[in-house]
Amino acid sequence: MSVGGKKDEYDFCKPEDDLEWWAEHRMNIREVRMLYSSLQHYQSNWEKYNAGRQPEEMDFLQWFEKKLFSMISDYNITHHEVEEDTTSSSEET
């Protein structure tokens, strides 16, 4: 319970949590890149600003960063275009 406007320490693992519940969210590639960049920035400042945070939070951030990286990699692979080589085989490159 909050006292004087101050929140209690956030508990990520409440025993009463329904782990069967889940949510989906759609993002375009720009949003994925922005979130990935934001997570990297947040993690780089972790020691400076987040003393006393639960270690599970950093574990989650690292896991989520890898998921975002795989999304960006998938996009880069599926949207990669190779320019057609218009030089003939007899011309020097």
PDB file of N, CA and C in Angstrom:
ATOM      1  N   MET A   1       0.843  -1.185   0.000  1.00  0.00           N
ATOM      2  CA  MET A   1       0.000   0.000   0.000  1.00  0.00           C
ATOM      3  C   MET A   1       0.878   1.235   0.000  1.00  0.00           C
ATOM      4  N   SER A   2       0.460   2.241  -0.685  1.00  0.00           N
ATOM      5  CA  SER A   2       1.210   3.490  -0.747  1.00  0.00           C
ATOM      6  C   SER A   2       0.963   4.324   0.488  1.00  0.00           C
ATOM      7  N   VAL A   3       2.032   4.951   0.959  1.00  0.00           N
ATOM      8  CA  VAL A   3       1.931   5.844   2.105  1.00  0.00           C
ATOM      9  C   VAL A   3       2.554   7.161   1.698  1.00  0.00           C
ATOM     10  N   GLY A   4       1.815   8.248   1.845  1.00  0.00           N
ATOM     11  CA  GLY A   4       2.348   9.561   1.523  1.00  0.00           C
ATOM     12  C   GLY A   4       2.753   9.704   0.064  1.00  0.00           C
ATOM     13  N   GLY A   5       2.095   8.962  -0.832  1.00  0.00           N
ATOM     14  CA  GLY A   5       2.390   9.056  -2.243  1.00  0.00           C
ATOM     15  C   GLY A   5       3.571   8.207  -2.691  1.00  0.00           C
ATOM     16  N   LYS A   6       4.285   7.570  -1.766  1.00  0.00           N
ATOM     17  CA  LYS A   6       5.427   6.740  -2.139  1.00  0.00           C
ATOM     18  C   LYS A   6       4.952   5.324  -2.405  1.00  0.00           C
ATOM     19  N   LYS A   7       5.378   4.773  -3.548  1.00  0.00           N
ATOM     20  CA  LYS A   7       4.982   3.415  -3.900  1.00  0.00           C
ATOM     21  C   LYS A   7       5.865   2.405  -3.186  1.00  0.00           C
ATOM     22  N   ASP A   8       5.272   1.257  -2.903  1.00  0.00           N
ATOM     23  CA  ASP A   8       6.055   0.146  -2.365  1.00  0.00           C
ATOM     24  C   ASP A   8       6.977  -0.377  -3.447  1.00  0.00           C
ATOM     25  N   GLU A   9       7.999  -1.129  -3.057  1.00  0.00           N
ATOM     26  CA  GLU A   9       8.907  -1.762  -4.005  1.00  0.00           C
ATOM     27  C   GLU A   9       8.094  -2.656  -4.939  1.00  0.00           C
ATOM     28  N   TYR A  10       8.335  -2.554  -6.245  1.00  0.00           N
ATOM     29  CA  TYR A  10       7.580  -3.335  -7.219  1.00  0.00           C
ATOM     30  C   TYR A  10       7.993  -4.793  -7.152  1.00  0.00           C
ATOM     31  N   ASP A  11       7.012  -5.672  -7.114  1.00  0.00           N
ATOM     32  CA  ASP A  11       7.256  -7.111  -7.049  1.00  0.00           C
ATOM     33  C   ASP A  11       6.926  -7.724  -8.405  1.00  0.00           C
ATOM     34  N   PHE A  12       7.960  -8.200  -9.104  1.00  0.00           N
ATOM     35  CA  PHE A  12       7.755  -8.789 -10.424  1.00  0.00           C
ATOM     36  C   PHE A  12       7.150 -10.190 -10.354  1.00  0.00           C
ATOM     37  N   CYS A  13       7.307 -10.861  -9.255  1.00  0.00           N
ATOM     38  CA  CYS A  13       6.900 -12.273  -9.147  1.00  0.00           C
ATOM     39  C   CYS A  13       5.894 -12.448  -8.018  1.00  0.00           C
ATOM     40  N   LYS A  14       4.686 -12.007  -8.248  1.00  0.00           N
ATOM     41  CA  LYS A  14       3.643 -12.166  -7.243  1.00  0.00           C
ATOM     42  C   LYS A  14       3.099 -13.587  -7.307  1.00  0.00           C
ATOM     43  N   PRO A  15       2.915 -14.238  -6.171  1.00  0.00           N
ATOM     44  CA  PRO A  15       2.428 -15.621  -6.170  1.00  0.00           C
ATOM     45  C   PRO A  15       1.045 -15.774  -6.813  1.00  0.00           C
ATOM     46  N   GLU A  16       0.231 -14.746  -6.764  1.00  0.00           N
ATOM     47  CA  GLU A  16      -1.121 -14.840  -7.312  1.00  0.00           C
ATOM     48  C   GLU A  16      -1.187 -14.537  -8.811  1.00  0.00           C
ATOM     49  N   ASP A  17      -0.051 -14.270  -9.457  1.00  0.00           N
ATOM     50  CA  ASP A  17      -0.039 -13.979 -10.889  1.00  0.00           C
ATOM     51  C   ASP A  17      -0.582 -15.153 -11.701  1.00  0.00           C
ATOM     52  N   ASP A  18      -1.446 -14.831 -12.659  1.00  0.00           N
ATOM     53  CA  ASP A  18      -1.992 -15.820 -13.586  1.00  0.00           C
ATOM     54  C   ASP A  18      -1.045 -15.908 -14.782  1.00  0.00           C
ATOM     55  N   LEU A  19      -0.200 -16.917 -14.828  1.00  0.00           N
ATOM     56  CA  LEU A  19       0.810 -17.048 -15.869  1.00  0.00           C
ATOM     57  C   LEU A  19       0.243 -17.586 -17.181  1.00  0.00           C
ATOM     58  N   GLU A  20      -1.044 -17.911 -17.201  1.00  0.00           N
ATOM     59  CA  GLU A  20      -1.702 -18.321 -18.433  1.00  0.00           C
ATOM     60  C   GLU A  20      -2.148 -17.099 -19.241  1.00  0.00           C
ATOM     61  N   TRP A  21      -2.244 -15.924 -18.602  1.00  0.00           N
ATOM     62  CA  TRP A  21      -2.634 -14.695 -19.272  1.00  0.00           C
ATOM     63  C   TRP A  21      -1.453 -14.185 -20.081  1.00  0.00           C
ATOM     64  N   TRP A  22      -1.728 -13.629 -21.285  1.00  0.00           N
ATOM     65  CA  TRP A  22      -0.658 -13.046 -22.088  1.00  0.00           C
ATOM     66  C   TRP A  22      -1.233 -11.958 -22.974  1.00  0.00           C
ATOM     67  N   ALA A  23      -0.348 -11.157 -23.560  1.00  0.00           N
ATOM     68  CA  ALA A  23      -0.771 -10.046 -24.410  1.00  0.00           C
ATOM     69  C   ALA A  23       0.099 -10.009 -25.660  1.00  0.00           C
ATOM     70  N   GLU A  24      -0.427  -9.398 -26.714  1.00  0.00           N
ATOM     71  CA  GLU A  24       0.317  -9.183 -27.951  1.00  0.00           C
ATOM     72  C   GLU A  24       0.354  -7.696 -28.233  1.00  0.00           C
ATOM     73  N   HIS A  25       1.414  -7.296 -28.927  1.00  0.00           N
ATOM     74  CA  HIS A  25       1.537  -5.902 -29.353  1.00  0.00           C
ATOM     75  C   HIS A  25       2.227  -5.888 -30.707  1.00  0.00           C
ATOM     76  N   ARG A  26       1.730  -5.115 -31.632  1.00  0.00           N
ATOM     77  CA  ARG A  26       2.338  -5.023 -32.965  1.00  0.00           C
ATOM     78  C   ARG A  26       3.156  -3.743 -33.053  1.00  0.00           C
ATOM     79  N   MET A  27       4.357  -3.866 -33.655  1.00  0.00           N
ATOM     80  CA  MET A  27       5.224  -2.713 -33.865  1.00  0.00           C
ATOM     81  C   MET A  27       5.787  -2.782 -35.274  1.00  0.00           C
ATOM     82  N   ASN A  28       6.008  -1.624 -35.882  1.00  0.00           N
ATOM     83  CA  ASN A  28       6.689  -1.621 -37.167  1.00  0.00           C
ATOM     84  C   ASN A  28       8.200  -1.606 -36.911  1.00  0.00           C
ATOM     85  N   ILE A  29       8.995  -1.701 -37.971  1.00  0.00           N
ATOM     86  CA  ILE A  29      10.439  -1.822 -37.811  1.00  0.00           C
ATOM     87  C   ILE A  29      11.045  -0.601 -37.125  1.00  0.00           C
ATOM     88  N   ARG A  30      10.528   0.569 -37.376  1.00  0.00           N
ATOM     89  CA  ARG A  30      11.059   1.768 -36.723  1.00  0.00           C
ATOM     90  C   ARG A  30      10.812   1.737 -35.226  1.00  0.00           C
ATOM     91  N   GLU A  31       9.657   1.260 -34.838  1.00  0.00           N
ATOM     92  CA  GLU A  31       9.348   1.156 -33.408  1.00  0.00           C
ATOM     93  C   GLU A  31      10.235   0.108 -32.735  1.00  0.00           C
ATOM     94  N   VAL A  32      10.480  -1.002 -33.421  1.00  0.00           N
ATOM     95  CA  VAL A  32      11.357  -2.046 -32.880  1.00  0.00           C
ATOM     96  C   VAL A  32      12.765  -1.493 -32.698  1.00  0.00           C
ATOM     97  N   ARG A  33      13.264  -0.790 -33.715  1.00  0.00           N
ATOM     98  CA  ARG A  33      14.608  -0.204 -33.608  1.00  0.00           C
ATOM     99  C   ARG A  33      14.693   0.803 -32.471  1.00  0.00           C
ATOM    100  N   MET A  34      13.658   1.626 -32.308  1.00  0.00           N
ATOM    101  CA  MET A  34      13.652   2.637 -31.249  1.00  0.00           C
ATOM    102  C   MET A  34      13.641   1.976 -29.874  1.00  0.00           C
ATOM    103  N   LEU A  35      12.836   0.953 -29.714  1.00  0.00           N
ATOM    104  CA  LEU A  35      12.784   0.253 -28.439  1.00  0.00           C
ATOM    105  C   LEU A  35      14.114  -0.429 -28.146  1.00  0.00           C
ATOM    106  N   TYR A  36      14.709  -1.035 -29.157  1.00  0.00           N
ATOM    107  CA  TYR A  36      16.023  -1.677 -29.009  1.00  0.00           C
ATOM    108  C   TYR A  36      17.072  -0.646 -28.570  1.00  0.00           C
ATOM    109  N   SER A  37      17.084   0.495 -29.222  1.00  0.00           N
ATOM    110  CA  SER A  37      18.028   1.562 -28.875  1.00  0.00           C
ATOM    111  C   SER A  37      17.786   2.066 -27.449  1.00  0.00           C
ATOM    112  N   SER A  38      16.536   2.223 -27.086  1.00  0.00           N
ATOM    113  CA  SER A  38      16.199   2.688 -25.733  1.00  0.00           C
ATOM    114  C   SER A  38      16.658   1.694 -24.675  1.00  0.00           C
ATOM    115  N   LEU A  39      16.465   0.403 -24.939  1.00  0.00           N
ATOM    116  CA  LEU A  39      16.918  -0.619 -23.987  1.00  0.00           C
ATOM    117  C   LEU A  39      18.436  -0.597 -23.840  1.00  0.00           C
ATOM    118  N   GLN A  40      19.140  -0.443 -24.947  1.00  0.00           N
ATOM    119  CA  GLN A  40      20.595  -0.376 -24.878  1.00  0.00           C
ATOM    120  C   GLN A  40      21.045   0.824 -24.049  1.00  0.00           C
ATOM    121  N   HIS A  41      20.412   1.958 -24.262  1.00  0.00           N
ATOM    122  CA  HIS A  41      20.753   3.159 -23.501  1.00  0.00           C
ATOM    123  C   HIS A  41      20.463   2.952 -22.004  1.00  0.00           C
ATOM    124  N   TYR A  42      19.302   2.407 -21.718  1.00  0.00           N
ATOM    125  CA  TYR A  42      18.913   2.160 -20.324  1.00  0.00           C
ATOM    126  C   TYR A  42      19.905   1.214 -19.645  1.00  0.00           C
ATOM    127  N   GLN A  43      20.286   0.140 -20.345  1.00  0.00           N
ATOM    128  CA  GLN A  43      21.219  -0.815 -19.763  1.00  0.00           C
ATOM    129  C   GLN A  43      22.604  -0.204 -19.562  1.00  0.00           C
ATOM    130  N   SER A  44      23.021   0.676 -20.468  1.00  0.00           N
ATOM    131  CA  SER A  44      24.342   1.292 -20.339  1.00  0.00           C
ATOM    132  C   SER A  44      24.403   2.226 -19.130  1.00  0.00           C
ATOM    133  N   ASN A  45      23.259   2.702 -18.682  1.00  0.00           N
ATOM    134  CA  ASN A  45      23.198   3.581 -17.508  1.00  0.00           C
ATOM    135  C   ASN A  45      22.709   2.861 -16.257  1.00  0.00           C
ATOM    136  N   TRP A  46      22.633   1.559 -16.303  1.00  0.00           N
ATOM    137  CA  TRP A  46      22.074   0.762 -15.213  1.00  0.00           C
ATOM    138  C   TRP A  46      22.764   1.023 -13.878  1.00  0.00           C
ATOM    139  N   GLU A  47      24.076   0.913 -13.870  1.00  0.00           N
ATOM    140  CA  GLU A  47      24.832   1.078 -12.628  1.00  0.00           C
ATOM    141  C   GLU A  47      24.642   2.474 -12.041  1.00  0.00           C
ATOM    142  N   LYS A  48      24.573   3.458 -12.903  1.00  0.00           N
ATOM    143  CA  LYS A  48      24.500   4.852 -12.470  1.00  0.00           C
ATOM    144  C   LYS A  48      23.162   5.201 -11.828  1.00  0.00           C
ATOM    145  N   TYR A  49      22.073   4.699 -12.398  1.00  0.00           N
ATOM    146  CA  TYR A  49      20.745   5.153 -11.980  1.00  0.00           C
ATOM    147  C   TYR A  49      19.867   4.104 -11.309  1.00  0.00           C
ATOM    148  N   ASN A  50      20.267   2.850 -11.306  1.00  0.00           N
ATOM    149  CA  ASN A  50      19.344   1.813 -10.842  1.00  0.00           C
ATOM    150  C   ASN A  50      19.889   0.974  -9.696  1.00  0.00           C
ATOM    151  N   ALA A  51      20.612   1.603  -8.806  1.00  0.00           N
ATOM    152  CA  ALA A  51      21.113   0.881  -7.641  1.00  0.00           C
ATOM    153  C   ALA A  51      19.923   0.341  -6.843  1.00  0.00           C
ATOM    154  N   GLY A  52      20.021  -0.895  -6.456  1.00  0.00           N
ATOM    155  CA  GLY A  52      18.971  -1.498  -5.656  1.00  0.00           C
ATOM    156  C   GLY A  52      17.851  -2.131  -6.455  1.00  0.00           C
ATOM    157  N   ARG A  53      17.907  -2.067  -7.794  1.00  0.00           N
ATOM    158  CA  ARG A  53      16.875  -2.710  -8.593  1.00  0.00           C
ATOM    159  C   ARG A  53      17.050  -4.225  -8.523  1.00  0.00           C
ATOM    160  N   GLN A  54      15.975  -4.933  -8.748  1.00  0.00           N
ATOM    161  CA  GLN A  54      16.030  -6.387  -8.698  1.00  0.00           C
ATOM    162  C   GLN A  54      16.830  -6.923  -9.881  1.00  0.00           C
ATOM    163  N   PRO A  55      17.722  -7.911  -9.645  1.00  0.00           N
ATOM    164  CA  PRO A  55      18.530  -8.451 -10.744  1.00  0.00           C
ATOM    165  C   PRO A  55      17.682  -9.105 -11.833  1.00  0.00           C
ATOM    166  N   GLU A  56      16.502  -9.588 -11.499  1.00  0.00           N
ATOM    167  CA  GLU A  56      15.613 -10.186 -12.493  1.00  0.00           C
ATOM    168  C   GLU A  56      15.214  -9.170 -13.558  1.00  0.00           C
ATOM    169  N   GLU A  57      15.185  -7.898 -13.186  1.00  0.00           N
ATOM    170  CA  GLU A  57      14.830  -6.862 -14.148  1.00  0.00           C
ATOM    171  C   GLU A  57      15.898  -6.763 -15.234  1.00  0.00           C
ATOM    172  N   MET A  58      17.170  -6.776 -14.862  1.00  0.00           N
ATOM    173  CA  MET A  58      18.243  -6.722 -15.858  1.00  0.00           C
ATOM    174  C   MET A  58      18.249  -7.993 -16.699  1.00  0.00           C
ATOM    175  N   ASP A  59      17.996  -9.137 -16.082  1.00  0.00           N
ATOM    176  CA  ASP A  59      17.916 -10.395 -16.841  1.00  0.00           C
ATOM    177  C   ASP A  59      16.827 -10.299 -17.908  1.00  0.00           C
ATOM    178  N   PHE A  60      15.676  -9.742 -17.527  1.00  0.00           N
ATOM    179  CA  PHE A  60      14.585  -9.583 -18.478  1.00  0.00           C
ATOM    180  C   PHE A  60      14.973  -8.629 -19.601  1.00  0.00           C
ATOM    181  N   LEU A  61      15.618  -7.508 -19.262  1.00  0.00           N
ATOM    182  CA  LEU A  61      16.023  -6.529 -20.273  1.00  0.00           C
ATOM    183  C   LEU A  61      16.988  -7.145 -21.277  1.00  0.00           C
ATOM    184  N   GLN A  62      17.919  -7.951 -20.807  1.00  0.00           N
ATOM    185  CA  GLN A  62      18.869  -8.609 -21.702  1.00  0.00           C
ATOM    186  C   GLN A  62      18.147  -9.615 -22.601  1.00  0.00           C
ATOM    187  N   TRP A  63      17.204 -10.358 -22.031  1.00  0.00           N
ATOM    188  CA  TRP A  63      16.412 -11.311 -22.814  1.00  0.00           C
ATOM    189  C   TRP A  63      15.603 -10.574 -23.881  1.00  0.00           C
ATOM    190  N   PHE A  64      14.951  -9.481 -23.491  1.00  0.00           N
ATOM    191  CA  PHE A  64      14.105  -8.732 -24.411  1.00  0.00           C
ATOM    192  C   PHE A  64      14.937  -8.058 -25.495  1.00  0.00           C
ATOM    193  N   GLU A  65      16.124  -7.575 -25.134  1.00  0.00           N
ATOM    194  CA  GLU A  65      17.013  -6.968 -26.118  1.00  0.00           C
ATOM    195  C   GLU A  65      17.391  -7.990 -27.198  1.00  0.00           C
ATOM    196  N   LYS A  66      17.647  -9.226 -26.795  1.00  0.00           N
ATOM    197  CA  LYS A  66      17.963 -10.277 -27.772  1.00  0.00           C
ATOM    198  C   LYS A  66      16.771 -10.552 -28.688  1.00  0.00           C
ATOM    199  N   LYS A  67      15.579 -10.540 -28.140  1.00  0.00           N
ATOM    200  CA  LYS A  67      14.373 -10.739 -28.952  1.00  0.00           C
ATOM    201  C   LYS A  67      14.227  -9.619 -29.983  1.00  0.00           C
ATOM    202  N   LEU A  68      14.449  -8.390 -29.552  1.00  0.00           N
ATOM    203  CA  LEU A  68      14.355  -7.258 -30.468  1.00  0.00           C
ATOM    204  C   LEU A  68      15.438  -7.335 -31.541  1.00  0.00           C
ATOM    205  N   PHE A  69      16.640  -7.728 -31.139  1.00  0.00           N
ATOM    206  CA  PHE A  69      17.727  -7.880 -32.108  1.00  0.00           C
ATOM    207  C   PHE A  69      17.363  -8.925 -33.158  1.00  0.00           C
ATOM    208  N   SER A  70      16.748 -10.018 -32.740  1.00  0.00           N
ATOM    209  CA  SER A  70      16.366 -11.045 -33.710  1.00  0.00           C
ATOM    210  C   SER A  70      15.276 -10.529 -34.646  1.00  0.00           C
ATOM    211  N   MET A  71      14.387  -9.661 -34.158  1.00  0.00           N
ATOM    212  CA  MET A  71      13.373  -9.058 -35.023  1.00  0.00           C
ATOM    213  C   MET A  71      14.026  -8.157 -36.069  1.00  0.00           C
ATOM    214  N   ILE A  72      14.994  -7.352 -35.642  1.00  0.00           N
ATOM    215  CA  ILE A  72      15.700  -6.458 -36.562  1.00  0.00           C
ATOM    216  C   ILE A  72      16.474  -7.273 -37.592  1.00  0.00           C
ATOM    217  N   SER A  73      17.125  -8.338 -37.135  1.00  0.00           N
ATOM    218  CA  SER A  73      17.877  -9.202 -38.053  1.00  0.00           C
ATOM    219  C   SER A  73      16.951  -9.849 -39.071  1.00  0.00           C
ATOM    220  N   ASP A  74      15.811 -10.326 -38.615  1.00  0.00           N
ATOM    221  CA  ASP A  74      14.834 -10.923 -39.526  1.00  0.00           C
ATOM    222  C   ASP A  74      14.389  -9.907 -40.574  1.00  0.00           C
ATOM    223  N   TYR A  75      14.110  -8.703 -40.133  1.00  0.00           N
ATOM    224  CA  TYR A  75      13.699  -7.653 -41.074  1.00  0.00           C
ATOM    225  C   TYR A  75      14.808  -7.395 -42.095  1.00  0.00           C
ATOM    226  N   ASN A  76      16.041  -7.268 -41.617  1.00  0.00           N
ATOM    227  CA  ASN A  76      17.162  -6.988 -42.516  1.00  0.00           C
ATOM    228  C   ASN A  76      17.355  -8.092 -43.548  1.00  0.00           C
ATOM    229  N   ILE A  77      17.161  -9.323 -43.141  1.00  0.00           N
ATOM    230  CA  ILE A  77      17.317 -10.454 -44.071  1.00  0.00           C
ATOM    231  C   ILE A  77      16.162 -10.501 -45.069  1.00  0.00           C
ATOM    232  N   THR A  78      14.952 -10.357 -44.579  1.00  0.00           N
ATOM    233  CA  THR A  78      13.790 -10.480 -45.469  1.00  0.00           C
ATOM    234  C   THR A  78      13.589  -9.264 -46.358  1.00  0.00           C
ATOM    235  N   HIS A  79      14.222  -8.146 -46.038  1.00  0.00           N
ATOM    236  CA  HIS A  79      14.069  -6.942 -46.845  1.00  0.00           C
ATOM    237  C   HIS A  79      15.367  -6.528 -47.531  1.00  0.00           C
ATOM    238  N   HIS A  80      16.303  -7.444 -47.601  1.00  0.00           N
ATOM    239  CA  HIS A  80      17.587  -7.187 -48.251  1.00  0.00           C
ATOM    240  C   HIS A  80      17.411  -7.283 -49.759  1.00  0.00           C
ATOM    241  N   GLU A  81      17.850  -6.260 -50.451  1.00  0.00           N
ATOM    242  CA  GLU A  81      17.778  -6.265 -51.908  1.00  0.00           C
ATOM    243  C   GLU A  81      19.184  -6.151 -52.466  1.00  0.00           C
ATOM    244  N   VAL A  82      19.492  -6.994 -53.439  1.00  0.00           N
ATOM    245  CA  VAL A  82      20.789  -6.979 -54.097  1.00  0.00           C
ATOM    246  C   VAL A  82      20.607  -6.326 -55.450  1.00  0.00           C
ATOM    247  N   GLU A  83      21.467  -5.357 -55.727  1.00  0.00           N
ATOM    248  CA  GLU A  83      21.389  -4.706 -57.031  1.00  0.00           C
ATOM    249  C   GLU A  83      21.865  -5.673 -58.103  1.00  0.00           C
ATOM    250  N   GLU A  84      21.170  -5.666 -59.218  1.00  0.00           N
ATOM    251  CA  GLU A  84      21.542  -6.545 -60.321  1.00  0.00           C
ATOM    252  C   GLU A  84      22.846  -6.057 -60.933  1.00  0.00           C
ATOM    253  N   ASP A  85      23.753  -6.986 -61.172  1.00  0.00           N
ATOM    254  CA  ASP A  85      25.034  -6.665 -61.786  1.00  0.00           C
ATOM    255  C   ASP A  85      24.806  -6.479 -63.289  1.00  0.00           C
ATOM    256  N   THR A  86      25.048  -5.265 -63.799  1.00  0.00           N
ATOM    257  CA  THR A  86      24.794  -4.979 -65.213  1.00  0.00           C
ATOM    258  C   THR A  86      26.057  -5.057 -66.050  1.00  0.00           C
ATOM    259  N   THR A  87      27.196  -5.377 -65.416  1.00  0.00           N
ATOM    260  CA  THR A  87      28.430  -5.515 -66.203  1.00  0.00           C
ATOM    261  C   THR A  87      28.464  -6.887 -66.852  1.00  0.00           C
ATOM    262  N   SER A  88      28.982  -6.939 -68.065  1.00  0.00           N
ATOM    263  CA  SER A  88      29.094  -8.250 -68.720  1.00  0.00           C
ATOM    264  C   SER A  88      30.302  -8.982 -68.175  1.00  0.00           C
ATOM    265  N   SER A  89      30.330 -10.262 -68.337  1.00  0.00           N
ATOM    266  CA  SER A  89      31.419 -11.056 -67.792  1.00  0.00           C
ATOM    267  C   SER A  89      32.759 -10.747 -68.427  1.00  0.00           C
ATOM    268  N   SER A  90      32.772 -10.120 -69.584  1.00  0.00           N
ATOM    269  CA  SER A  90      34.039  -9.807 -70.257  1.00  0.00           C
ATOM    270  C   SER A  90      34.610  -8.469 -69.761  1.00  0.00           C
ATOM    271  N   GLU A  91      33.783  -7.658 -69.085  1.00  0.00           N
ATOM    272  CA  GLU A  91      34.281  -6.372 -68.574  1.00  0.00           C
ATOM    273  C   GLU A  91      34.980  -6.562 -67.246  1.00  0.00           C
ATOM    274  N   GLU A  92      35.987  -5.719 -67.013  1.00  0.00           N
ATOM    275  CA  GLU A  92      36.684  -5.777 -65.732  1.00  0.00           C
ATOM    276  C   GLU A  92      35.854  -5.035 -64.692  1.00  0.00           C
ATOM    277  N   THR A  93      35.926  -5.516 -63.478  1.00  0.00           N
ATOM    278  CA  THR A  93      35.193  -4.860 -62.399  1.00  0.00           C
ATOM    279  C   THR A  93      36.127  -4.167 -61.467  1.00  0.00           C
TER     280      THR A  93
END
